[in-house]
PDB file of N, CA and C in Angstrom:
ATOM      1  N   MET A   1      77.686  77.323  71.437  1.00  0.00           N
ATOM      2  CA  MET A   1      77.702  78.703  70.993  1.00  0.00           C
ATOM      3  C   MET A   1      76.367  79.351  71.353  1.00  0.00           C
ATOM      4  N   ASP A   2      76.435  80.428  72.063  1.00  0.00           N
ATOM      5  CA  ASP A   2      75.261  81.166  72.465  1.00  0.00           C
ATOM      6  C   ASP A   2      74.730  81.956  71.273  1.00  0.00           C
ATOM      7  N   TYR A   3      73.448  82.255  71.294  1.00  0.00           N
ATOM      8  CA  TYR A   3      72.864  82.977  70.164  1.00  0.00           C
ATOM      9  C   TYR A   3      73.449  84.374  70.017  1.00  0.00           C
ATOM     10  N   ARG A   4      73.854  84.994  71.113  1.00  0.00           N
ATOM     11  CA  ARG A   4      74.464  86.332  71.021  1.00  0.00           C
ATOM     12  C   ARG A   4      75.842  86.266  70.380  1.00  0.00           C
ATOM     13  N   GLN A   5      76.564  85.198  70.659  1.00  0.00           N
ATOM     14  CA  GLN A   5      77.899  85.034  70.097  1.00  0.00           C
ATOM     15  C   GLN A   5      77.835  84.801  68.591  1.00  0.00           C
ATOM     16  N   ALA A   6      76.735  84.245  68.106  1.00  0.00           N
ATOM     17  CA  ALA A   6      76.589  83.961  66.681  1.00  0.00           C
ATOM     18  C   ALA A   6      76.476  85.239  65.853  1.00  0.00           C
ATOM     19  N   TYR A   7      76.126  86.349  66.475  1.00  0.00           N
ATOM     20  CA  TYR A   7      75.977  87.602  65.739  1.00  0.00           C
ATOM     21  C   TYR A   7      77.273  88.407  65.651  1.00  0.00           C
ATOM     22  N   VAL A   8      78.331  87.951  66.273  1.00  0.00           N
ATOM     23  CA  VAL A   8      79.582  88.714  66.289  1.00  0.00           C
ATOM     24  C   VAL A   8      80.217  88.750  64.895  1.00  0.00           C
ATOM     25  N   ILE A   9      80.227  87.632  64.198  1.00  0.00           N
ATOM     26  CA  ILE A   9      80.898  87.570  62.894  1.00  0.00           C
ATOM     27  C   ILE A   9      80.157  88.414  61.851  1.00  0.00           C
ATOM     28  N   PRO A  10      78.843  88.218  61.647  1.00  0.00           N
ATOM     29  CA  PRO A  10      78.183  89.089  60.663  1.00  0.00           C
ATOM     30  C   PRO A  10      78.121  90.546  61.108  1.00  0.00           C
ATOM     31  N   GLY A  11      78.042  90.767  62.415  1.00  0.00           N
ATOM     32  CA  GLY A  11      78.064  92.146  62.907  1.00  0.00           C
ATOM     33  C   GLY A  11      79.375  92.837  62.584  1.00  0.00           C
ATOM     34  N   GLY A  12      80.478  92.121  62.778  1.00  0.00           N
ATOM     35  CA  GLY A  12      81.785  92.676  62.423  1.00  0.00           C
ATOM     36  C   GLY A  12      81.897  92.939  60.940  1.00  0.00           C
ATOM     37  N   MET A  13      81.291  92.055  60.129  1.00  0.00           N
ATOM     38  CA  MET A  13      81.333  92.249  58.680  1.00  0.00           C
ATOM     39  C   MET A  13      80.616  93.542  58.290  1.00  0.00           C
ATOM     40  N   PHE A  14      79.435  93.771  58.864  1.00  0.00           N
ATOM     41  CA  PHE A  14      78.680  94.964  58.495  1.00  0.00           C
ATOM     42  C   PHE A  14      79.323  96.244  59.027  1.00  0.00           C
ATOM     43  N   VAL A  15      79.896  96.182  60.210  1.00  0.00           N
ATOM     44  CA  VAL A  15      80.620  97.354  60.723  1.00  0.00           C
ATOM     45  C   VAL A  15      81.826  97.643  59.842  1.00  0.00           C
ATOM     46  N   GLY A  16      82.556  96.585  59.467  1.00  0.00           N
ATOM     47  CA  GLY A  16      83.697  96.771  58.570  1.00  0.00           C
ATOM     48  C   GLY A  16      83.272  97.304  57.206  1.00  0.00           C
ATOM     49  N   LEU A  17      82.128  96.844  56.709  1.00  0.00           N
ATOM     50  CA  LEU A  17      81.615  97.344  55.436  1.00  0.00           C
ATOM     51  C   LEU A  17      81.312  98.831  55.527  1.00  0.00           C
ATOM     52  N   GLY A  18      80.673  99.245  56.613  1.00  0.00           N
ATOM     53  CA  GLY A  18      80.373 100.669  56.779  1.00  0.00           C
ATOM     54  C   GLY A  18      81.624 101.518  56.865  1.00  0.00           C
ATOM     55  N   ILE A  19      82.604 101.056  57.619  1.00  0.00           N
ATOM     56  CA  ILE A  19      83.864 101.802  57.730  1.00  0.00           C
ATOM     57  C   ILE A  19      84.589 101.810  56.390  1.00  0.00           C
ATOM     58  N   GLY A  20      84.581 100.660  55.709  1.00  0.00           N
ATOM     59  CA  GLY A  20      85.228 100.587  54.400  1.00  0.00           C
ATOM     60  C   GLY A  20      84.561 101.476  53.378  1.00  0.00           C
ATOM     61  N   MET A  21      83.238 101.569  53.404  1.00  0.00           N
ATOM     62  CA  MET A  21      82.544 102.455  52.468  1.00  0.00           C
ATOM     63  C   MET A  21      82.859 103.914  52.762  1.00  0.00           C
ATOM     64  N   PHE A  22      83.055 104.243  54.027  1.00  0.00           N
ATOM     65  CA  PHE A  22      83.423 105.609  54.392  1.00  0.00           C
ATOM     66  C   PHE A  22      84.761 105.997  53.767  1.00  0.00           C
ATOM     67  N   PHE A  23      85.689 105.046  53.714  1.00  0.00           N
ATOM     68  CA  PHE A  23      87.015 105.298  53.145  1.00  0.00           C
ATOM     69  C   PHE A  23      87.116 104.858  51.689  1.00  0.00           C
ATOM     70  N   ASP A  24      85.968 104.522  51.067  1.00  0.00           N
ATOM     71  CA  ASP A  24      85.909 104.102  49.663  1.00  0.00           C
ATOM     72  C   ASP A  24      86.714 102.827  49.418  1.00  0.00           C
ATOM     73  N   GLN A  25      86.737 101.936  50.404  1.00  0.00           N
ATOM     74  CA  GLN A  25      87.426 100.645  50.316  1.00  0.00           C
ATOM     75  C   GLN A  25      86.529  99.575  50.934  1.00  0.00           C
ATOM     76  N   ALA A  26      85.369  99.331  50.304  1.00  0.00           N
ATOM     77  CA  ALA A  26      84.375  98.439  50.889  1.00  0.00           C
ATOM     78  C   ALA A  26      84.900  97.011  51.039  1.00  0.00           C
ATOM     79  N   GLY A  27      85.606  96.500  50.047  1.00  0.00           N
ATOM     80  CA  GLY A  27      86.121  95.134  50.109  1.00  0.00           C
ATOM     81  C   GLY A  27      87.086  94.929  51.259  1.00  0.00           C
ATOM     82  N   ALA A  28      87.990  95.864  51.419  1.00  0.00           N
ATOM     83  CA  ALA A  28      88.954  95.763  52.514  1.00  0.00           C
ATOM     84  C   ALA A  28      88.255  95.869  53.868  1.00  0.00           C
ATOM     85  N   GLY A  29      87.223  96.689  53.950  1.00  0.00           N
ATOM     86  CA  GLY A  29      86.481  96.826  55.195  1.00  0.00           C
ATOM     87  C   GLY A  29      85.757  95.550  55.566  1.00  0.00           C
ATOM     88  N   VAL A  30      85.183  94.854  54.572  1.00  0.00           N
ATOM     89  CA  VAL A  30      84.493  93.593  54.840  1.00  0.00           C
ATOM     90  C   VAL A  30      85.474  92.548  55.349  1.00  0.00           C
ATOM     91  N   ILE A  31      86.626  92.448  54.702  1.00  0.00           N
ATOM     92  CA  ILE A  31      87.636  91.471  55.133  1.00  0.00           C
ATOM     93  C   ILE A  31      88.127  91.799  56.542  1.00  0.00           C
ATOM     94  N   LEU A  32      88.351  93.061  56.818  1.00  0.00           N
ATOM     95  CA  LEU A  32      88.791  93.466  58.150  1.00  0.00           C
ATOM     96  C   LEU A  32      87.718  93.159  59.194  1.00  0.00           C
ATOM     97  N   GLY A  33      86.464  93.458  58.881  1.00  0.00           N
ATOM     98  CA  GLY A  33      85.377  93.186  59.808  1.00  0.00           C
ATOM     99  C   GLY A  33      85.182  91.702  60.068  1.00  0.00           C
ATOM    100  N   LEU A  34      85.284  90.883  59.023  1.00  0.00           N
ATOM    101  CA  LEU A  34      85.174  89.430  59.214  1.00  0.00           C
ATOM    102  C   LEU A  34      86.305  88.902  60.079  1.00  0.00           C
ATOM    103  N   GLY A  35      87.508  89.389  59.827  1.00  0.00           N
ATOM    104  CA  GLY A  35      88.650  88.960  60.632  1.00  0.00           C
ATOM    105  C   GLY A  35      88.468  89.312  62.096  1.00  0.00           C
ATOM    106  N   LEU A  36      88.005  90.526  62.360  1.00  0.00           N
ATOM    107  CA  LEU A  36      87.773  90.917  63.751  1.00  0.00           C
ATOM    108  C   LEU A  36      86.644  90.104  64.376  1.00  0.00           C
ATOM    109  N   GLY A  37      85.625  89.801  63.583  1.00  0.00           N
ATOM    110  CA  GLY A  37      84.530  88.978  64.097  1.00  0.00           C
ATOM    111  C   GLY A  37      84.990  87.578  64.457  1.00  0.00           C
ATOM    112  N   PHE A  38      85.838  86.988  63.602  1.00  0.00           N
ATOM    113  CA  PHE A  38      86.356  85.651  63.891  1.00  0.00           C
ATOM    114  C   PHE A  38      87.280  85.655  65.105  1.00  0.00           C
ATOM    115  N   ILE A  39      87.976  86.746  65.341  1.00  0.00           N
ATOM    116  CA  ILE A  39      88.852  86.831  66.509  1.00  0.00           C
ATOM    117  C   ILE A  39      88.033  87.071  67.780  1.00  0.00           C
ATOM    118  N   LEU A  40      87.029  87.939  67.703  1.00  0.00           N
ATOM    119  CA  LEU A  40      86.255  88.285  68.892  1.00  0.00           C
ATOM    120  C   LEU A  40      85.281  87.191  69.327  1.00  0.00           C
ATOM    121  N   SER A  41      84.822  86.365  68.406  1.00  0.00           N
ATOM    122  CA  SER A  41      83.826  85.353  68.739  1.00  0.00           C
ATOM    123  C   SER A  41      84.307  84.381  69.820  1.00  0.00           C
ATOM    124  N   PRO A  42      85.460  83.747  69.694  1.00  0.00           N
ATOM    125  CA  PRO A  42      85.892  82.853  70.788  1.00  0.00           C
ATOM    126  C   PRO A  42      86.290  83.598  72.061  1.00  0.00           C
ATOM    127  N   ILE A  43      86.764  84.825  71.914  1.00  0.00           N
ATOM    128  CA  ILE A  43      87.115  85.598  73.105  1.00  0.00           C
ATOM    129  C   ILE A  43      85.865  85.893  73.921  1.00  0.00           C
ATOM    130  N   LEU A  44      84.787  86.304  73.246  1.00  0.00           N
ATOM    131  CA  LEU A  44      83.539  86.556  73.963  1.00  0.00           C
ATOM    132  C   LEU A  44      82.969  85.273  74.549  1.00  0.00           C
ATOM    133  N   GLY A  45      83.164  84.152  73.860  1.00  0.00           N
ATOM    134  CA  GLY A  45      82.722  82.862  74.387  1.00  0.00           C
ATOM    135  C   GLY A  45      83.452  82.508  75.675  1.00  0.00           C
ATOM    136  N   MET A  46      84.750  82.758  75.718  1.00  0.00           N
ATOM    137  CA  MET A  46      85.525  82.462  76.925  1.00  0.00           C
ATOM    138  C   MET A  46      85.094  83.384  78.072  1.00  0.00           C
ATOM    139  N   ILE A  47      84.845  84.641  77.764  1.00  0.00           N
ATOM    140  CA  ILE A  47      84.411  85.583  78.811  1.00  0.00           C
ATOM    141  C   ILE A  47      83.057  85.165  79.365  1.00  0.00           C
ATOM    142  N   GLU A  48      82.158  84.770  78.459  1.00  0.00           N
ATOM    143  CA  GLU A  48      80.826  84.342  78.906  1.00  0.00           C
ATOM    144  C   GLU A  48      80.899  83.058  79.731  1.00  0.00           C
ATOM    145  N   LYS A  49      81.740  82.127  79.312  1.00  0.00           N
ATOM    146  CA  LYS A  49      81.882  80.870  80.063  1.00  0.00           C
ATOM    147  C   LYS A  49      82.444  81.143  81.455  1.00  0.00           C
ATOM    148  N   ARG A  50      83.393  82.064  81.538  1.00  0.00           N
ATOM    149  CA  ARG A  50      84.004  82.382  82.828  1.00  0.00           C
ATOM    150  C   ARG A  50      82.998  83.064  83.761  1.00  0.00           C
ATOM    151  N   SER A  51      82.130  83.916  83.186  1.00  0.00           N
ATOM    152  CA  SER A  51      81.159  84.611  84.033  1.00  0.00           C
ATOM    153  C   SER A  51      80.041  83.683  84.498  1.00  0.00           C
ATOM    154  N   ASN A  52      79.774  82.596  83.759  1.00  0.00           N
ATOM    155  CA  ASN A  52      78.745  81.649  84.169  1.00  0.00           C
ATOM    156  C   ASN A  52      79.252  80.662  85.214  1.00  0.00           C
ATOM    157  N   SER A  53      80.546  80.558  85.388  1.00  0.00           N
ATOM    158  CA  SER A  53      81.108  79.594  86.347  1.00  0.00           C
ATOM    159  C   SER A  53      81.005  80.070  87.776  1.00  0.00           C
TER     160      SER A  53
END
């Protein structure tokens, strides 16, 4: 795991928190952001591995 890839999950959490606070649903935003972070992390890893080959 690259150091940049490690920031995807907490980054998604904070973006989701900000969006959730905008809609007055902070908890739902955090869960949504974490879910997107967990989905994007391996996808970005595969893209990075492919570009290094």
